[in-house]
N, C-alpha and C. Protein backbone atom coordinates (compact mmCIF):
# COMPACT_ATOMS: atom_id res chain seq x y z
N UNK A 1 0.82 -1.19 0.00
CA UNK A 1 0.00 0.00 0.00
C UNK A 1 0.86 1.26 0.00
N UNK A 2 0.44 2.16 -0.70
CA UNK A 2 1.11 3.43 -0.80
C UNK A 2 0.56 4.39 0.26
N UNK A 3 1.44 5.35 0.66
CA UNK A 3 1.02 6.30 1.70
C UNK A 3 0.06 7.32 1.12
N UNK A 4 -0.79 7.81 1.99
CA UNK A 4 -1.74 8.84 1.59
C UNK A 4 -0.98 10.15 1.40
N UNK A 5 -1.50 11.05 0.59
CA UNK A 5 -0.83 12.33 0.36
C UNK A 5 -0.57 13.11 1.66
N UNK A 6 -1.48 13.06 2.62
CA UNK A 6 -1.29 13.78 3.89
C UNK A 6 -0.10 13.19 4.64
N UNK A 7 0.02 11.86 4.61
CA UNK A 7 1.13 11.21 5.30
C UNK A 7 2.45 11.55 4.61
N UNK A 8 2.44 11.57 3.27
CA UNK A 8 3.65 11.93 2.53
C UNK A 8 4.07 13.36 2.88
N UNK A 9 3.11 14.25 2.94
CA UNK A 9 3.39 15.64 3.29
C UNK A 9 3.96 15.73 4.69
N UNK A 10 3.36 14.94 5.61
CA UNK A 10 3.86 14.93 7.00
C UNK A 10 5.29 14.41 7.04
N UNK A 11 5.56 13.34 6.28
CA UNK A 11 6.91 12.77 6.24
C UNK A 11 7.91 13.78 5.69
N UNK A 12 7.52 14.47 4.61
CA UNK A 12 8.41 15.47 4.01
C UNK A 12 8.66 16.60 5.00
N UNK A 13 7.61 17.09 5.66
CA UNK A 13 7.76 18.16 6.65
C UNK A 13 8.68 17.71 7.78
N UNK A 14 8.51 16.46 8.21
CA UNK A 14 9.33 15.91 9.30
C UNK A 14 10.80 15.84 8.87
N UNK A 15 11.05 15.38 7.64
CA UNK A 15 12.42 15.29 7.13
C UNK A 15 13.05 16.68 7.01
N UNK A 16 12.26 17.62 6.49
CA UNK A 16 12.75 19.00 6.37
C UNK A 16 13.06 19.56 7.74
N UNK A 17 12.18 19.36 8.69
CA UNK A 17 12.37 19.84 10.05
C UNK A 17 13.62 19.23 10.67
N UNK A 18 13.78 17.93 10.48
CA UNK A 18 14.95 17.22 11.02
C UNK A 18 16.24 17.75 10.39
N UNK A 19 16.19 17.95 9.08
CA UNK A 19 17.35 18.49 8.37
C UNK A 19 17.68 19.90 8.85
N UNK A 20 16.67 20.72 9.03
CA UNK A 20 16.89 22.09 9.53
C UNK A 20 17.50 22.07 10.92
N UNK A 21 17.01 21.19 11.78
CA UNK A 21 17.59 21.08 13.13
C UNK A 21 19.05 20.65 13.06
N UNK A 22 19.34 19.72 12.16
CA UNK A 22 20.73 19.27 12.00
C UNK A 22 21.60 20.42 11.52
N UNK A 23 21.11 21.17 10.53
CA UNK A 23 21.86 22.31 10.00
C UNK A 23 22.09 23.35 11.10
N UNK A 24 21.06 23.61 11.89
CA UNK A 24 21.17 24.58 12.98
C UNK A 24 22.19 24.10 14.02
N UNK A 25 22.15 22.81 14.37
CA UNK A 25 23.10 22.25 15.34
C UNK A 25 24.54 22.36 14.83
N UNK A 26 24.75 22.01 13.56
CA UNK A 26 26.09 22.09 12.97
C UNK A 26 26.55 23.55 12.93
N UNK A 27 25.65 24.44 12.55
CA UNK A 27 25.99 25.88 12.50
C UNK A 27 26.35 26.40 13.89
N UNK A 28 25.60 25.97 14.90
CA UNK A 28 25.89 26.39 16.28
C UNK A 28 27.24 25.86 16.73
N UNK A 29 27.54 24.61 16.41
CA UNK A 29 28.83 24.03 16.76
C UNK A 29 29.97 24.78 16.07
N UNK A 30 29.79 25.10 14.80
CA UNK A 30 30.81 25.83 14.05
C UNK A 30 31.00 27.23 14.63
N UNK A 31 29.88 27.87 14.98
CA UNK A 31 29.95 29.20 15.60
C UNK A 31 30.73 29.13 16.91
N UNK A 32 30.39 28.15 17.76
CA UNK A 32 31.08 28.00 19.04
C UNK A 32 32.58 27.77 18.84
N UNK A 33 32.90 26.92 17.88
CA UNK A 33 34.31 26.62 17.58
C UNK A 33 35.04 27.88 17.13
N UNK A 34 34.43 28.61 16.20
CA UNK A 34 35.05 29.84 15.69
C UNK A 34 35.14 30.91 16.77
N UNK A 35 34.14 30.97 17.63
CA UNK A 35 34.15 31.95 18.72
C UNK A 35 35.31 31.66 19.68
N UNK A 36 35.48 30.40 20.02
CA UNK A 36 36.59 30.03 20.91
C UNK A 36 37.93 30.33 20.27
N UNK A 37 38.03 30.03 18.97
CA UNK A 37 39.27 30.28 18.25
C UNK A 37 39.57 31.79 18.22
N UNK A 38 38.55 32.59 17.96
CA UNK A 38 38.71 34.05 17.92
C UNK A 38 39.10 34.57 19.31
N UNK A 39 38.50 34.01 20.34
CA UNK A 39 38.81 34.42 21.72
C UNK A 39 40.27 34.13 22.04
N UNK A 40 40.74 32.94 21.64
CA UNK A 40 42.15 32.59 21.87
C UNK A 40 43.06 33.54 21.11
N UNK A 41 42.68 33.87 19.89
CA UNK A 41 43.48 34.79 19.08
C UNK A 41 43.55 36.17 19.74
N UNK A 42 42.45 36.65 20.24
CA UNK A 42 42.42 37.95 20.93
C UNK A 42 43.29 37.88 22.19
N UNK A 43 43.19 36.78 22.94
CA UNK A 43 44.02 36.62 24.14
C UNK A 43 45.50 36.68 23.78
N UNK A 44 45.89 36.01 22.70
CA UNK A 44 47.30 36.02 22.28
C UNK A 44 47.73 37.44 21.92
N UNK A 45 46.87 38.16 21.20
CA UNK A 45 47.21 39.53 20.82
C UNK A 45 47.33 40.43 22.04
N UNK A 46 46.43 40.25 23.00
CA UNK A 46 46.48 41.04 24.23
C UNK A 46 47.78 40.74 24.99
N UNK A 47 48.13 39.45 25.07
CA UNK A 47 49.38 39.08 25.73
C UNK A 47 50.58 39.70 25.02
N UNK A 48 50.55 39.68 23.70
CA UNK A 48 51.65 40.25 22.91
C UNK A 48 51.76 41.76 23.17
N UNK A 49 50.63 42.43 23.16
CA UNK A 49 50.63 43.88 23.42
C UNK A 49 51.12 44.16 24.85
N UNK A 50 50.66 43.35 25.80
CA UNK A 50 51.09 43.51 27.19
C UNK A 50 52.61 43.34 27.30
N UNK A 51 53.16 42.33 26.63
CA UNK A 51 54.61 42.11 26.65
C UNK A 51 55.36 43.30 26.06
N UNK A 52 54.85 43.78 24.93
CA UNK A 52 55.50 44.94 24.29
C UNK A 52 55.43 46.17 25.19
N UNK A 53 54.31 46.34 25.84
CA UNK A 53 54.14 47.49 26.75
C UNK A 53 55.11 47.38 27.92
N UNK A 54 55.27 46.17 28.45
CA UNK A 54 56.21 45.98 29.55
C UNK A 54 57.64 46.27 29.09
N UNK A 55 57.98 45.83 27.87
CA UNK A 55 59.31 46.12 27.32
C UNK A 55 59.49 47.62 27.16
N UNK A 56 58.47 48.27 26.62
CA UNK A 56 58.55 49.72 26.43
C UNK A 56 58.67 50.43 27.78
N UNK A 57 57.88 49.96 28.76
CA UNK A 57 57.91 50.56 30.09
C UNK A 57 59.31 50.43 30.68
N UNK A 58 59.89 49.26 30.55
CA UNK A 58 61.24 49.02 31.06
C UNK A 58 62.24 49.94 30.36
N UNK A 59 62.12 50.02 29.03
CA UNK A 59 63.01 50.89 28.27
C UNK A 59 62.83 52.35 28.68
N UNK A 60 61.58 52.76 28.87
CA UNK A 60 61.29 54.15 29.24
C UNK A 60 61.90 54.48 30.60
N UNK A 61 61.77 53.55 31.54
CA UNK A 61 62.34 53.77 32.88
C UNK A 61 63.86 53.90 32.79
N UNK A 62 64.48 53.02 32.00
CA UNK A 62 65.93 53.09 31.83
C UNK A 62 66.34 54.42 31.20
N UNK A 63 65.61 54.85 30.19
CA UNK A 63 65.92 56.10 29.50
C UNK A 63 65.79 57.29 30.44
N UNK A 64 64.73 57.31 31.22
CA UNK A 64 64.53 58.40 32.17
C UNK A 64 65.64 58.40 33.22
N UNK A 65 65.99 57.21 33.71
CA UNK A 65 67.06 57.12 34.71
C UNK A 65 68.39 57.62 34.14
N UNK A 66 68.69 57.24 32.89
CA UNK A 66 69.92 57.72 32.26
C UNK A 66 69.90 59.23 32.11
N UNK A 67 68.77 59.76 31.69
CA UNK A 67 68.66 61.21 31.52
C UNK A 67 68.85 61.92 32.86
N UNK A 68 68.24 61.36 33.91
CA UNK A 68 68.39 61.97 35.24
C UNK A 68 69.83 61.90 35.72
N UNK A 69 70.50 60.79 35.44
CA UNK A 69 71.92 60.67 35.82
C UNK A 69 72.75 61.72 35.09
N UNK A 70 72.48 61.91 33.79
CA UNK A 70 73.21 62.92 33.02
C UNK A 70 72.96 64.32 33.58
N UNK A 71 71.72 64.61 33.91
CA UNK A 71 71.39 65.92 34.49
C UNK A 71 72.10 66.09 35.83
N UNK A 72 72.07 65.04 36.63
CA UNK A 72 72.73 65.09 37.95
C UNK A 72 74.23 65.35 37.79
N UNK A 73 74.87 64.70 36.84
CA UNK A 73 76.31 64.90 36.61
C UNK A 73 76.59 66.33 36.18
N UNK A 74 75.75 66.85 35.28
CA UNK A 74 75.95 68.23 34.82
C UNK A 74 75.78 69.22 35.97
N UNK A 75 74.77 68.98 36.80
CA UNK A 75 74.54 69.87 37.96
C UNK A 75 75.71 69.79 38.91
N UNK A 76 76.20 68.56 39.16
CA UNK A 76 77.35 68.40 40.06
C UNK A 76 78.56 69.17 39.54
N UNK A 77 78.81 69.10 38.23
CA UNK A 77 79.93 69.83 37.64
C UNK A 77 79.76 71.33 37.83
N UNK A 78 78.56 71.84 37.55
CA UNK A 78 78.31 73.28 37.70
C UNK A 78 78.45 73.71 39.16
N UNK A 79 77.89 72.92 40.07
CA UNK A 79 77.99 73.25 41.49
C UNK A 79 79.45 73.22 41.92
N UNK A 80 80.18 72.21 41.46
CA UNK A 80 81.59 72.09 41.81
C UNK A 80 82.38 73.30 41.31
N UNK A 81 82.12 73.73 40.07
CA UNK A 81 82.80 74.92 39.53
C UNK A 81 82.45 76.16 40.34
N UNK A 82 81.17 76.29 40.67
CA UNK A 82 80.72 77.45 41.43
C UNK A 82 81.36 77.47 42.82
N UNK A 83 81.39 76.33 43.47
CA UNK A 83 82.01 76.23 44.81
C UNK A 83 83.49 76.57 44.70
N UNK A 84 84.15 76.06 43.66
CA UNK A 84 85.58 76.34 43.47
C UNK A 84 85.81 77.84 43.27
N UNK A 85 84.97 78.49 42.50
CA UNK A 85 85.10 79.94 42.28
C UNK A 85 84.88 80.71 43.59
N UNK A 86 83.88 80.27 44.35
CA UNK A 86 83.61 80.94 45.63
C UNK A 86 84.80 80.77 46.57
N UNK A 87 85.37 79.56 46.59
CA UNK A 87 86.54 79.32 47.45
C UNK A 87 87.72 80.19 47.03
N UNK A 88 87.95 80.30 45.72
CA UNK A 88 89.05 81.16 45.23
C UNK A 88 88.82 82.61 45.61
N UNK A 89 87.58 83.05 45.43
CA UNK A 89 87.25 84.45 45.77
C UNK A 89 87.42 84.67 47.27
N UNK A 90 87.02 83.69 48.07
CA UNK A 90 87.15 83.82 49.53
C UNK A 90 88.63 83.86 49.92
N UNK A 91 89.46 83.02 49.33
CA UNK A 91 90.90 83.03 49.62
C UNK A 91 91.52 84.36 49.24
N UNK A 92 91.14 84.83 48.06
CA UNK A 92 91.67 86.09 47.59
C UNK A 92 91.27 87.22 48.54
N UNK A 93 90.01 87.23 48.95
CA UNK A 93 89.55 88.27 49.87
C UNK A 93 90.26 88.14 51.21
N UNK A 94 90.48 86.95 51.68
CA UNK A 94 91.15 86.72 52.97
C UNK A 94 92.59 87.20 52.90
N UNK A 95 93.24 86.91 51.74
CA UNK A 95 94.63 87.34 51.58
C UNK A 95 94.72 88.87 51.57
N UNK A 96 93.76 89.51 50.92
CA UNK A 96 93.76 90.96 50.87
C UNK A 96 93.52 91.55 52.24
N UNK A 97 92.67 90.89 53.04
CA UNK A 97 92.40 91.38 54.39
C UNK A 97 93.60 91.12 55.31
N UNK A 98 94.28 90.02 55.03
CA UNK A 98 95.42 89.63 55.88
C UNK A 98 96.64 90.49 55.61
N UNK A 99 96.79 91.02 54.45
CA UNK A 99 97.96 91.82 54.12
C UNK A 99 97.97 93.15 54.76
């Protein structure tokens, strides 16, 4: 016996529905997989940027410290010259007063 047209229609609808559910399930699985992959990729990029920032931060601190040391040395030289001049002037004045 052959199926009635209503039964055939029901079977076709059921097959289509089943196929659609399968397609939706596969699409959801693919989406989840791609989402996880994208998340890992973003995490790697964030880690890379963080590492570069730490390197830059370290370099910046070193550069600032070197600049401060150079400034300190220049100030020490100027202060030393000024103190030396003051000492010479004081000796000269003392000698003039002593004579």
